[in-house]
């Protein structure tokens, strides 16, 4: 089974109430080969919500207590991101996920790039909180761009 970011499945769950529909991912869901998940909603957030970025590092650093996830207004929402990550890990185990396709740049789901924590649109190499936790637990986590490039080799 493939676990995918809900926004890539076309669900309007992004911070600003939009989606990032990927037609190949949508097709996999219709074929019952993929299951959507949103770590941020699982952590307790609603849609829409304030944008957040990782300050002081990346997802691994958040898990290690060395960095925080902060909303643009300055509110610390680290615990909700960690909670969502652990619930997502349990969901991945429940469905025996073989690969996880997550939305790049997200403070939860980024699998190779995230925003730099300054809310200026600048990106840096790094994992989001949920991607970091899933990778630590041996799951293959890729971005929608990597999925598009290797679609035929995954399914």
Protein backbone atom coordinates (compact mmCIF):
# COMPACT_ATOMS: atom_id res chain seq x y z
CA UNK A 1 0.00 0.00 0.00
CA UNK A 2 1.14 3.55 -0.73
CA UNK A 3 0.51 6.32 1.79
CA UNK A 4 0.10 9.78 0.22
CA UNK A 5 -0.34 13.36 1.38
CA UNK A 6 -4.06 14.14 1.40
CA UNK A 7 -3.45 17.40 -0.47
CA UNK A 8 -1.86 15.46 -3.35
CA UNK A 9 -5.05 13.37 -3.49
CA UNK A 10 -7.01 16.56 -4.13
CA UNK A 11 -8.34 17.11 -0.61
CA UNK A 12 -8.41 20.77 0.43
CA UNK A 13 -6.34 20.33 3.59
CA UNK A 14 -3.34 22.61 2.98
CA UNK A 15 -2.77 25.45 5.44
CA UNK A 16 -4.58 27.87 3.12
CA UNK A 17 -7.51 25.56 2.37
CA UNK A 18 -6.28 24.47 -1.06
CA UNK A 19 -5.06 21.17 -2.50
CA UNK A 20 -2.11 20.12 -4.65
CA UNK A 21 -3.87 17.52 -6.79
CA UNK A 22 -1.60 15.04 -8.54
CA UNK A 23 -3.64 13.06 -11.09
CA UNK A 24 -1.46 9.94 -10.86
CA UNK A 25 -1.91 9.86 -7.09
CA UNK A 26 -5.64 10.45 -7.41
CA UNK A 27 -5.81 7.48 -9.79
CA UNK A 28 -3.99 5.25 -7.28
CA UNK A 29 -6.51 6.16 -4.61
CA UNK A 30 -9.42 5.33 -6.91
CA UNK A 31 -7.74 1.98 -7.64
CA UNK A 32 -7.36 1.33 -3.87
CA UNK A 33 -3.56 1.24 -4.16
CA UNK A 34 -3.01 4.35 -2.03
CA UNK A 35 -4.45 5.87 1.14
CA UNK A 36 -4.42 9.63 1.87
CA UNK A 37 -3.17 11.00 5.17
CA UNK A 38 -2.58 14.52 6.51
CA UNK A 39 -0.18 14.58 9.47
CA UNK A 40 -1.16 18.14 10.35
CA UNK A 41 -4.86 17.33 10.62
CA UNK A 42 -4.01 14.16 12.58
CA UNK A 43 -1.96 16.34 14.93
CA UNK A 44 -4.98 18.50 15.72
CA UNK A 45 -4.86 21.37 13.23
CA UNK A 46 -7.85 22.59 11.24
CA UNK A 47 -8.09 23.96 7.71
CA UNK A 48 -7.31 26.72 7.03
CA UNK A 49 -4.51 27.34 9.51
CA UNK A 50 -1.62 29.71 9.89
CA UNK A 51 1.51 28.83 7.90
CA UNK A 52 4.30 27.27 9.94
CA UNK A 53 7.97 26.59 9.35
CA UNK A 54 10.73 24.77 11.19
CA UNK A 55 12.98 27.19 13.07
CA UNK A 56 16.53 26.18 14.00
CA UNK A 57 16.95 23.06 11.91
CA UNK A 58 14.92 20.37 10.21
CA UNK A 59 12.50 17.57 11.08
CA UNK A 60 15.21 15.42 12.64
CA UNK A 61 16.18 18.34 14.86
CA UNK A 62 12.54 18.82 15.90
CA UNK A 63 12.29 15.15 16.88
CA UNK A 64 15.54 15.50 18.84
CA UNK A 65 14.29 18.61 20.69
CA UNK A 66 16.83 20.90 18.99
CA UNK A 67 14.42 22.85 16.71
CA UNK A 68 10.80 24.01 16.82
CA UNK A 69 7.87 24.39 14.46
CA UNK A 70 6.58 27.95 14.72
CA UNK A 71 3.58 29.62 13.11
CA UNK A 72 4.13 32.88 11.26
CA UNK A 73 2.66 34.79 14.24
CA UNK A 74 5.27 33.21 16.53
CA UNK A 75 3.16 30.51 18.20
CA UNK A 76 5.07 27.29 18.97
CA UNK A 77 3.16 24.35 17.45
CA UNK A 78 5.95 21.79 17.72
CA UNK A 79 3.98 19.34 19.86
CA UNK A 80 1.10 19.17 17.36
CA UNK A 81 3.53 18.41 14.53
CA UNK A 82 5.19 15.67 16.56
CA UNK A 83 1.78 14.23 17.53
CA UNK A 84 0.71 14.15 13.88
CA UNK A 85 3.97 12.47 12.91
CA UNK A 86 3.51 9.63 15.39
CA UNK A 87 -0.13 9.07 14.40
CA UNK A 88 0.95 8.97 10.75
CA UNK A 89 3.64 6.41 11.60
CA UNK A 90 1.00 4.21 13.24
CA UNK A 91 -1.24 4.57 10.18
CA UNK A 92 1.65 3.58 7.91
CA UNK A 93 2.26 0.47 10.01
CA UNK A 94 -1.46 -0.41 10.06
CA UNK A 95 -1.69 -0.42 6.25
CA UNK A 96 1.77 -1.96 5.72
CA UNK A 97 2.87 1.01 3.63
CA UNK A 98 5.67 0.18 1.22
CA UNK A 99 6.28 3.76 0.13
CA UNK A 100 5.07 7.18 1.26
CA UNK A 101 4.57 10.03 -1.22
CA UNK A 102 4.51 13.37 0.58
CA UNK A 103 4.18 17.02 -0.44
CA UNK A 104 7.59 18.62 -0.75
CA UNK A 105 8.48 21.75 1.29
CA UNK A 106 5.91 21.11 4.04
CA UNK A 107 7.13 21.32 7.66
CA UNK A 108 5.45 17.92 8.12
CA UNK A 109 5.84 16.21 4.78
CA UNK A 110 8.89 17.65 3.05
CA UNK A 111 11.07 14.68 2.13
CA UNK A 112 14.17 16.48 0.87
CA UNK A 113 13.40 20.22 0.95
CA UNK A 114 11.66 22.48 3.49
CA UNK A 115 11.28 26.22 3.94
CA UNK A 116 14.15 27.87 5.84
CA UNK A 117 12.13 29.12 8.83
CA UNK A 118 12.16 32.81 7.90
CA UNK A 119 8.78 32.90 6.09
CA UNK A 120 10.36 34.41 2.99
CA UNK A 121 9.79 31.50 0.59
CA UNK A 122 13.40 30.35 0.68
CA UNK A 123 13.97 26.59 0.71
CA UNK A 124 16.73 24.47 2.25
CA UNK A 125 17.63 20.79 2.18
CA UNK A 126 15.93 18.84 4.95
CA UNK A 127 13.00 16.68 5.99
CA UNK A 128 9.75 17.73 7.58
CA UNK A 129 8.88 16.29 10.99
CA UNK A 130 6.71 13.41 9.76
CA UNK A 131 9.06 12.49 6.94
CA UNK A 132 11.97 12.40 9.39
CA UNK A 133 10.09 10.09 11.77
CA UNK A 134 8.94 7.74 9.01
CA UNK A 135 12.46 7.53 7.57
CA UNK A 136 13.86 6.80 11.05
CA UNK A 137 11.47 3.88 11.16
CA UNK A 138 12.63 2.43 7.85
CA UNK A 139 9.93 3.73 5.52
CA UNK A 140 10.73 5.00 2.03
CA UNK A 141 9.49 8.59 1.81
CA UNK A 142 9.59 10.45 -1.49
CA UNK A 143 8.23 13.73 -2.83
CA UNK A 144 5.56 14.09 -5.49
CA UNK A 145 8.34 15.11 -7.90
CA UNK A 146 10.30 11.92 -7.21
CA UNK A 147 7.08 9.93 -7.54
CA UNK A 148 6.35 11.45 -10.95
CA UNK A 149 9.85 10.54 -12.10
CA UNK A 150 9.63 6.91 -10.90
CA UNK A 151 5.86 6.28 -11.10
CA UNK A 152 6.14 3.09 -13.15
CA UNK A 153 8.76 1.61 -10.83
CA UNK A 154 6.66 2.14 -7.70
CA UNK A 155 3.34 0.53 -8.58
